[in-house]
PDB file of N, CA and C in Angstrom:
ATOM      1  N   MET A   1      41.172  -9.927  10.891  1.00  0.00           N
ATOM      2  CA  MET A   1      40.098  -9.361  11.695  1.00  0.00           C
ATOM      3  C   MET A   1      38.876  -9.181  10.799  1.00  0.00           C
ATOM      4  N   ALA A   2      37.727  -9.592  11.307  1.00  0.00           N
ATOM      5  CA  ALA A   2      36.485  -9.471  10.556  1.00  0.00           C
ATOM      6  C   ALA A   2      35.555  -8.480  11.259  1.00  0.00           C
ATOM      7  N   LYS A   3      34.916  -7.610  10.462  1.00  0.00           N
ATOM      8  CA  LYS A   3      33.980  -6.618  10.999  1.00  0.00           C
ATOM      9  C   LYS A   3      32.560  -7.072  10.736  1.00  0.00           C
ATOM     10  N   PHE A   4      31.681  -6.780  11.709  1.00  0.00           N
ATOM     11  CA  PHE A   4      30.284  -7.196  11.610  1.00  0.00           C
ATOM     12  C   PHE A   4      29.360  -6.064  12.022  1.00  0.00           C
ATOM     13  N   ASN A   5      28.185  -6.022  11.406  1.00  0.00           N
ATOM     14  CA  ASN A   5      27.082  -5.138  11.779  1.00  0.00           C
ATOM     15  C   ASN A   5      25.867  -6.019  12.006  1.00  0.00           C
ATOM     16  N   PHE A   6      25.110  -5.716  13.038  1.00  0.00           N
ATOM     17  CA  PHE A   6      23.933  -6.509  13.378  1.00  0.00           C
ATOM     18  C   PHE A   6      22.805  -5.563  13.740  1.00  0.00           C
ATOM     19  N   GLU A   7      21.620  -5.819  13.197  1.00  0.00           N
ATOM     20  CA  GLU A   7      20.448  -5.019  13.526  1.00  0.00           C
ATOM     21  C   GLU A   7      19.633  -5.750  14.591  1.00  0.00           C
ATOM     22  N   PRO A   8      19.712  -5.300  15.838  1.00  0.00           N
ATOM     23  CA  PRO A   8      18.999  -5.974  16.921  1.00  0.00           C
ATOM     24  C   PRO A   8      17.483  -5.827  16.790  1.00  0.00           C
ATOM     25  N   LYS A   9      16.779  -6.783  17.371  1.00  0.00           N
ATOM     26  CA  LYS A   9      15.314  -6.785  17.356  1.00  0.00           C
ATOM     27  C   LYS A   9      14.780  -6.762  18.787  1.00  0.00           C
ATOM     28  N   GLY A  10      13.743  -5.948  19.017  1.00  0.00           N
ATOM     29  CA  GLY A  10      13.056  -5.944  20.302  1.00  0.00           C
ATOM     30  C   GLY A  10      13.738  -5.151  21.402  1.00  0.00           C
ATOM     31  N   VAL A  11      14.723  -4.321  21.031  1.00  0.00           N
ATOM     32  CA  VAL A  11      15.440  -3.510  22.024  1.00  0.00           C
ATOM     33  C   VAL A  11      15.553  -2.067  21.530  1.00  0.00           C
ATOM     34  N   CYS A  12      16.045  -1.204  22.371  1.00  0.00           N
ATOM     35  CA  CYS A  12      16.180   0.212  22.021  1.00  0.00           C
ATOM     36  C   CYS A  12      17.338   0.485  21.059  1.00  0.00           C
ATOM     37  N   SER A  13      18.360  -0.346  21.100  1.00  0.00           N
ATOM     38  CA  SER A  13      19.497  -0.171  20.192  1.00  0.00           C
ATOM     39  C   SER A  13      19.061  -0.476  18.765  1.00  0.00           C
ATOM     40  N   SER A  14      19.632   0.273  17.808  1.00  0.00           N
ATOM     41  CA  SER A  14      19.268   0.068  16.410  1.00  0.00           C
ATOM     42  C   SER A  14      20.367  -0.629  15.605  1.00  0.00           C
ATOM     43  N   ASN A  15      21.580  -0.700  16.150  1.00  0.00           N
ATOM     44  CA  ASN A  15      22.675  -1.372  15.453  1.00  0.00           C
ATOM     45  C   ASN A  15      23.767  -1.741  16.459  1.00  0.00           C
ATOM     46  N   ILE A  16      24.421  -2.865  16.179  1.00  0.00           N
ATOM     47  CA  ILE A  16      25.591  -3.264  16.961  1.00  0.00           C
ATOM     48  C   ILE A  16      26.713  -3.543  15.973  1.00  0.00           C
ATOM     49  N   GLU A  17      27.835  -2.874  16.162  1.00  0.00           N
ATOM     50  CA  GLU A  17      29.024  -3.103  15.342  1.00  0.00           C
ATOM     51  C   GLU A  17      30.101  -3.707  16.231  1.00  0.00           C
ATOM     52  N   PHE A  18      30.879  -4.634  15.668  1.00  0.00           N
ATOM     53  CA  PHE A  18      31.988  -5.214  16.422  1.00  0.00           C
ATOM     54  C   PHE A  18      32.946  -5.894  15.462  1.00  0.00           C
ATOM     55  N   GLU A  19      34.104  -6.245  15.988  1.00  0.00           N
ATOM     56  CA  GLU A  19      35.107  -6.971  15.225  1.00  0.00           C
ATOM     57  C   GLU A  19      35.480  -8.235  15.977  1.00  0.00           C
ATOM     58  N   LEU A  20      35.808  -9.279  15.223  1.00  0.00           N
ATOM     59  CA  LEU A  20      36.330 -10.513  15.809  1.00  0.00           C
ATOM     60  C   LEU A  20      37.717 -10.751  15.248  1.00  0.00           C
ATOM     61  N   ASP A  21      38.644 -10.999  16.150  1.00  0.00           N
ATOM     62  CA  ASP A  21      40.023 -11.285  15.771  1.00  0.00           C
ATOM     63  C   ASP A  21      40.444 -12.568  16.479  1.00  0.00           C
ATOM     64  N   ASN A  22      40.447 -13.684  15.744  1.00  0.00           N
ATOM     65  CA  ASN A  22      40.753 -14.995  16.341  1.00  0.00           C
ATOM     66  C   ASN A  22      39.880 -15.277  17.559  1.00  0.00           C
ATOM     67  N   ASN A  23      38.572 -15.083  17.400  1.00  0.00           N
ATOM     68  CA  ASN A  23      37.570 -15.322  18.454  1.00  0.00           C
ATOM     69  C   ASN A  23      37.663 -14.360  19.635  1.00  0.00           C
ATOM     70  N   ILE A  24      38.389 -13.269  19.468  1.00  0.00           N
ATOM     71  CA  ILE A  24      38.460 -12.232  20.499  1.00  0.00           C
ATOM     72  C   ILE A  24      37.637 -11.032  20.027  1.00  0.00           C
ATOM     73  N   ILE A  25      36.799 -10.511  20.923  1.00  0.00           N
ATOM     74  CA  ILE A  25      35.899  -9.405  20.589  1.00  0.00           C
ATOM     75  C   ILE A  25      36.620  -8.072  20.740  1.00  0.00           C
ATOM     76  N   LYS A  26      36.429  -7.221  19.728  1.00  0.00           N
ATOM     77  CA  LYS A  26      37.047  -5.888  19.753  1.00  0.00           C
ATOM     78  C   LYS A  26      36.066  -4.842  19.223  1.00  0.00           C
ATOM     79  N   ASN A  27      36.232  -3.626  19.695  1.00  0.00           N
ATOM     80  CA  ASN A  27      35.543  -2.440  19.156  1.00  0.00           C
ATOM     81  C   ASN A  27      34.026  -2.587  19.057  1.00  0.00           C
ATOM     82  N   VAL A  28      33.377  -2.974  20.147  1.00  0.00           N
ATOM     83  CA  VAL A  28      31.915  -3.083  20.160  1.00  0.00           C
ATOM     84  C   VAL A  28      31.320  -1.687  20.291  1.00  0.00           C
ATOM     85  N   ARG A  29      30.355  -1.396  19.405  1.00  0.00           N
ATOM     86  CA  ARG A  29      29.678  -0.111  19.441  1.00  0.00           C
ATOM     87  C   ARG A  29      28.182  -0.324  19.214  1.00  0.00           C
ATOM     88  N   PHE A  30      27.395   0.204  20.128  1.00  0.00           N
ATOM     89  CA  PHE A  30      25.941   0.167  19.995  1.00  0.00           C
ATOM     90  C   PHE A  30      25.481   1.522  19.477  1.00  0.00           C
ATOM     91  N   THR A  31      24.500   1.524  18.599  1.00  0.00           N
ATOM     92  CA  THR A  31      23.844   2.749  18.167  1.00  0.00           C
ATOM     93  C   THR A  31      22.518   2.826  18.900  1.00  0.00           C
ATOM     94  N   ARG A  32      22.305   3.920  19.604  1.00  0.00           N
ATOM     95  CA  ARG A  32      21.124   4.158  20.432  1.00  0.00           C
ATOM     96  C   ARG A  32      21.107   3.225  21.639  1.00  0.00           C
ATOM     97  N   GLY A  33      19.986   3.128  22.277  1.00  0.00           N
ATOM     98  CA  GLY A  33      19.894   2.316  23.488  1.00  0.00           C
ATOM     99  C   GLY A  33      20.275   3.119  24.716  1.00  0.00           C
ATOM    100  N   CYS A  34      20.354   2.457  25.846  1.00  0.00           N
ATOM    101  CA  CYS A  34      20.731   3.088  27.114  1.00  0.00           C
ATOM    102  C   CYS A  34      22.241   3.323  27.092  1.00  0.00           C
ATOM    103  N   ASN A  35      22.638   4.544  26.872  1.00  0.00           N
ATOM    104  CA  ASN A  35      24.032   4.886  26.600  1.00  0.00           C
ATOM    105  C   ASN A  35      25.010   4.348  27.635  1.00  0.00           C
ATOM    106  N   GLY A  36      24.729   4.541  28.891  1.00  0.00           N
ATOM    107  CA  GLY A  36      25.645   4.072  29.934  1.00  0.00           C
ATOM    108  C   GLY A  36      25.750   2.555  29.952  1.00  0.00           C
ATOM    109  N   ASN A  37      24.613   1.886  29.813  1.00  0.00           N
ATOM    110  CA  ASN A  37      24.622   0.428  29.825  1.00  0.00           C
ATOM    111  C   ASN A  37      25.359  -0.151  28.617  1.00  0.00           C
ATOM    112  N   THR A  38      25.095   0.394  27.443  1.00  0.00           N
ATOM    113  CA  THR A  38      25.741  -0.155  26.251  1.00  0.00           C
ATOM    114  C   THR A  38      27.243   0.146  26.247  1.00  0.00           C
ATOM    115  N   GLN A  39      27.628   1.295  26.788  1.00  0.00           N
ATOM    116  CA  GLN A  39      29.067   1.579  26.926  1.00  0.00           C
ATOM    117  C   GLN A  39      29.713   0.600  27.907  1.00  0.00           C
ATOM    118  N   GLY A  40      28.995   0.312  28.981  1.00  0.00           N
ATOM    119  CA  GLY A  40      29.506  -0.635  29.974  1.00  0.00           C
ATOM    120  C   GLY A  40      29.662  -2.033  29.398  1.00  0.00           C
ATOM    121  N   ILE A  41      28.655  -2.491  28.671  1.00  0.00           N
ATOM    122  CA  ILE A  41      28.731  -3.808  28.033  1.00  0.00           C
ATOM    123  C   ILE A  41      29.925  -3.849  27.085  1.00  0.00           C
ATOM    124  N   SER A  42      30.064  -2.815  26.274  1.00  0.00           N
ATOM    125  CA  SER A  42      31.161  -2.753  25.307  1.00  0.00           C
ATOM    126  C   SER A  42      32.510  -2.840  26.001  1.00  0.00           C
ATOM    127  N   ALA A  43      32.679  -2.108  27.082  1.00  0.00           N
ATOM    128  CA  ALA A  43      33.957  -2.116  27.811  1.00  0.00           C
ATOM    129  C   ALA A  43      34.220  -3.474  28.462  1.00  0.00           C
ATOM    130  N   LEU A  44      33.174  -4.086  28.997  1.00  0.00           N
ATOM    131  CA  LEU A  44      33.348  -5.368  29.678  1.00  0.00           C
ATOM    132  C   LEU A  44      33.725  -6.502  28.735  1.00  0.00           C
ATOM    133  N   VAL A  45      33.172  -6.507  27.527  1.00  0.00           N
ATOM    134  CA  VAL A  45      33.439  -7.623  26.611  1.00  0.00           C
ATOM    135  C   VAL A  45      34.690  -7.424  25.769  1.00  0.00           C
ATOM    136  N   GLU A  46      35.233  -6.227  25.749  1.00  0.00           N
ATOM    137  CA  GLU A  46      36.454  -5.941  24.973  1.00  0.00           C
ATOM    138  C   GLU A  46      37.576  -6.892  25.376  1.00  0.00           C
ATOM    139  N   GLY A  47      38.119  -7.606  24.402  1.00  0.00           N
ATOM    140  CA  GLY A  47      39.232  -8.510  24.651  1.00  0.00           C
ATOM    141  C   GLY A  47      38.838  -9.894  25.139  1.00  0.00           C
ATOM    142  N   MET A  48      37.526 -10.120  25.303  1.00  0.00           N
ATOM    143  CA  MET A  48      37.065 -11.432  25.779  1.00  0.00           C
ATOM    144  C   MET A  48      36.883 -12.412  24.629  1.00  0.00           C
ATOM    145  N   ASN A  49      36.893 -13.691  24.958  1.00  0.00           N
ATOM    146  CA  ASN A  49      36.626 -14.749  24.004  1.00  0.00           C
ATOM    147  C   ASN A  49      35.141 -14.743  23.660  1.00  0.00           C
ATOM    148  N   VAL A  50      34.828 -14.886  22.385  1.00  0.00           N
ATOM    149  CA  VAL A  50      33.452 -14.817  21.908  1.00  0.00           C
ATOM    150  C   VAL A  50      32.553 -15.851  22.596  1.00  0.00           C
ATOM    151  N   ASP A  51      33.030 -17.064  22.811  1.00  0.00           N
ATOM    152  CA  ASP A  51      32.206 -18.105  23.439  1.00  0.00           C
ATOM    153  C   ASP A  51      31.886 -17.775  24.891  1.00  0.00           C
ATOM    154  N   ASP A  52      32.828 -17.172  25.596  1.00  0.00           N
ATOM    155  CA  ASP A  52      32.590 -16.778  26.988  1.00  0.00           C
ATOM    156  C   ASP A  52      31.504 -15.712  27.065  1.00  0.00           C
ATOM    157  N   VAL A  53      31.554 -14.754  26.155  1.00  0.00           N
ATOM    158  CA  VAL A  53      30.559 -13.675  26.159  1.00  0.00           C
ATOM    159  C   VAL A  53      29.181 -14.220  25.805  1.00  0.00           C
ATOM    160  N   ILE A  54      29.108 -15.085  24.803  1.00  0.00           N
ATOM    161  CA  ILE A  54      27.821 -15.680  24.426  1.00  0.00           C
ATOM    162  C   ILE A  54      27.210 -16.411  25.620  1.00  0.00           C
ATOM    163  N   SER A  55      28.007 -17.227  26.295  1.00  0.00           N
ATOM    164  CA  SER A  55      27.465 -18.014  27.413  1.00  0.00           C
ATOM    165  C   SER A  55      27.027 -17.131  28.579  1.00  0.00           C
ATOM    166  N   ARG A  56      27.669 -16.001  28.770  1.00  0.00           N
ATOM    167  CA  ARG A  56      27.304 -15.116  29.884  1.00  0.00           C
ATOM    168  C   ARG A  56      26.102 -14.222  29.574  1.00  0.00           C
ATOM    169  N   LEU A  57      25.976 -13.776  28.326  1.00  0.00           N
ATOM    170  CA  LEU A  57      24.957 -12.771  28.005  1.00  0.00           C
ATOM    171  C   LEU A  57      23.679 -13.325  27.392  1.00  0.00           C
ATOM    172  N   LYS A  58      23.751 -14.477  26.752  1.00  0.00           N
ATOM    173  CA  LYS A  58      22.582 -15.014  26.058  1.00  0.00           C
ATOM    174  C   LYS A  58      21.454 -15.286  27.053  1.00  0.00           C
ATOM    175  N   GLY A  59      20.265 -14.804  26.705  1.00  0.00           N
ATOM    176  CA  GLY A  59      19.086 -15.014  27.542  1.00  0.00           C
ATOM    177  C   GLY A  59      18.815 -13.895  28.530  1.00  0.00           C
ATOM    178  N   THR A  60      19.661 -12.879  28.587  1.00  0.00           N
ATOM    179  CA  THR A  60      19.412 -11.737  29.474  1.00  0.00           C
ATOM    180  C   THR A  60      18.125 -11.049  29.023  1.00  0.00           C
ATOM    181  N   ASN A  61      17.234 -10.789  29.981  1.00  0.00           N
ATOM    182  CA  ASN A  61      15.912 -10.249  29.684  1.00  0.00           C
ATOM    183  C   ASN A  61      15.791  -8.820  30.220  1.00  0.00           C
ATOM    184  N   CYS A  62      15.249  -7.926  29.411  1.00  0.00           N
ATOM    185  CA  CYS A  62      15.034  -6.533  29.816  1.00  0.00           C
ATOM    186  C   CYS A  62      13.537  -6.251  29.909  1.00  0.00           C
ATOM    187  N   ASN A  63      13.061  -6.035  31.108  1.00  0.00           N
ATOM    188  CA  ASN A  63      11.667  -5.634  31.346  1.00  0.00           C
ATOM    189  C   ASN A  63      10.641  -6.539  30.678  1.00  0.00           C
ATOM    190  N   GLY A  64      10.871  -7.837  30.679  1.00  0.00           N
ATOM    191  CA  GLY A  64       9.912  -8.782  30.128  1.00  0.00           C
ATOM    192  C   GLY A  64       9.848  -8.829  28.615  1.00  0.00           C
ATOM    193  N   ARG A  65      10.825  -8.245  27.946  1.00  0.00           N
ATOM    194  CA  ARG A  65      10.831  -8.231  26.480  1.00  0.00           C
ATOM    195  C   ARG A  65      11.229  -9.572  25.873  1.00  0.00           C
ATOM    196  N   GLY A  66      11.840 -10.422  26.693  1.00  0.00           N
ATOM    197  CA  GLY A  66      12.334 -11.689  26.176  1.00  0.00           C
ATOM    198  C   GLY A  66      13.709 -11.568  25.548  1.00  0.00           C
ATOM    199  N   THR A  67      14.257 -10.375  25.561  1.00  0.00           N
ATOM    200  CA  THR A  67      15.591 -10.110  25.043  1.00  0.00           C
ATOM    201  C   THR A  67      16.110  -8.836  25.693  1.00  0.00           C
ATOM    202  N   SER A  68      17.305  -8.442  25.332  1.00  0.00           N
ATOM    203  CA  SER A  68      17.932  -7.233  25.860  1.00  0.00           C
ATOM    204  C   SER A  68      19.101  -6.895  24.950  1.00  0.00           C
ATOM    205  N   CYS A  69      19.728  -5.766  25.175  1.00  0.00           N
ATOM    206  CA  CYS A  69      20.925  -5.429  24.390  1.00  0.00           C
ATOM    207  C   CYS A  69      22.037  -6.465  24.603  1.00  0.00           C
ATOM    208  N   PRO A  70      22.294  -6.928  25.840  1.00  0.00           N
ATOM    209  CA  PRO A  70      23.300  -7.974  26.002  1.00  0.00           C
ATOM    210  C   PRO A  70      22.913  -9.267  25.271  1.00  0.00           C
ATOM    211  N   ASP A  71      21.647  -9.654  25.330  1.00  0.00           N
ATOM    212  CA  ASP A  71      21.185 -10.847  24.629  1.00  0.00           C
ATOM    213  C   ASP A  71      21.343 -10.666  23.121  1.00  0.00           C
ATOM    214  N   GLN A  72      21.018  -9.508  22.614  1.00  0.00           N
ATOM    215  CA  GLN A  72      21.159  -9.249  21.183  1.00  0.00           C
ATOM    216  C   GLN A  72      22.625  -9.280  20.760  1.00  0.00           C
ATOM    217  N   LEU A  73      23.517  -8.812  21.612  1.00  0.00           N
ATOM    218  CA  LEU A  73      24.945  -8.919  21.316  1.00  0.00           C
ATOM    219  C   LEU A  73      25.351 -10.387  21.233  1.00  0.00           C
ATOM    220  N   ALA A  74      24.873 -11.197  22.163  1.00  0.00           N
ATOM    221  CA  ALA A  74      25.179 -12.633  22.137  1.00  0.00           C
ATOM    222  C   ALA A  74      24.675 -13.262  20.843  1.00  0.00           C
ATOM    223  N   ARG A  75      23.478 -12.896  20.424  1.00  0.00           N
ATOM    224  CA  ARG A  75      22.931 -13.431  19.170  1.00  0.00           C
ATOM    225  C   ARG A  75      23.753 -12.970  17.972  1.00  0.00           C
ATOM    226  N   ALA A  76      24.194 -11.711  18.000  1.00  0.00           N
ATOM    227  CA  ALA A  76      25.035 -11.189  16.918  1.00  0.00           C
ATOM    228  C   ALA A  76      26.360 -11.948  16.855  1.00  0.00           C
ATOM    229  N   LEU A  77      26.924 -12.241  18.015  1.00  0.00           N
ATOM    230  CA  LEU A  77      28.190 -12.973  18.060  1.00  0.00           C
ATOM    231  C   LEU A  77      28.018 -14.398  17.539  1.00  0.00           C
ATOM    232  N   GLU A  78      26.895 -15.030  17.878  1.00  0.00           N
ATOM    233  CA  GLU A  78      26.632 -16.373  17.353  1.00  0.00           C
ATOM    234  C   GLU A  78      26.544 -16.357  15.831  1.00  0.00           C
ATOM    235  N   LEU A  79      25.836 -15.368  15.301  1.00  0.00           N
ATOM    236  CA  LEU A  79      25.695 -15.249  13.855  1.00  0.00           C
ATOM    237  C   LEU A  79      27.063 -15.004  13.200  1.00  0.00           C
ATOM    238  N   ALA A  80      27.837 -14.124  13.795  1.00  0.00           N
ATOM    239  CA  ALA A  80      29.166 -13.826  13.254  1.00  0.00           C
ATOM    240  C   ALA A  80      30.040 -15.064  13.247  1.00  0.00           C
ATOM    241  N   LYS A  81      30.005 -15.832  14.325  1.00  0.00           N
ATOM    242  CA  LYS A  81      30.796 -17.066  14.386  1.00  0.00           C
ATOM    243  C   LYS A  81      30.417 -18.029  13.272  1.00  0.00           C
ATOM    244  N   SER A  82      29.138 -18.097  12.961  1.00  0.00           N
ATOM    245  CA  SER A  82      28.668 -19.020  11.916  1.00  0.00           C
ATOM    246  C   SER A  82      29.114 -18.581  10.529  1.00  0.00           C
ATOM    247  N   GLN A  83      29.467 -17.306  10.387  1.00  0.00           N
ATOM    248  CA  GLN A  83      29.883 -16.773   9.089  1.00  0.00           C
ATOM    249  C   GLN A  83      31.391 -16.814   8.892  1.00  0.00           C
ATOM    250  N   LEU A  84      32.117 -17.191   9.911  1.00  0.00           N
ATOM    251  CA  LEU A  84      33.582 -17.242   9.787  1.00  0.00           C
ATOM    252  C   LEU A  84      34.030 -18.562   9.182  1.00  0.00           C
TER     253      LEU A  84
END
């Protein structure tokens, strides 16, 4: 199991922590951001395949920012995959 920390850009969250275990996402935690939404995202992606989550969340836009917490999670997962 590999642990990752990611500093998101352009969103309210200041950090995303997660673990990957054979391409399965575990223990996602957002620091700051919209608490209910980030808890919901974390619960929904728990146990999912990393590629499925990337394809579903990448490009999600929050209020015209061009990104969002879900999009930043997808970007973090892409980066983590490249480091494995």
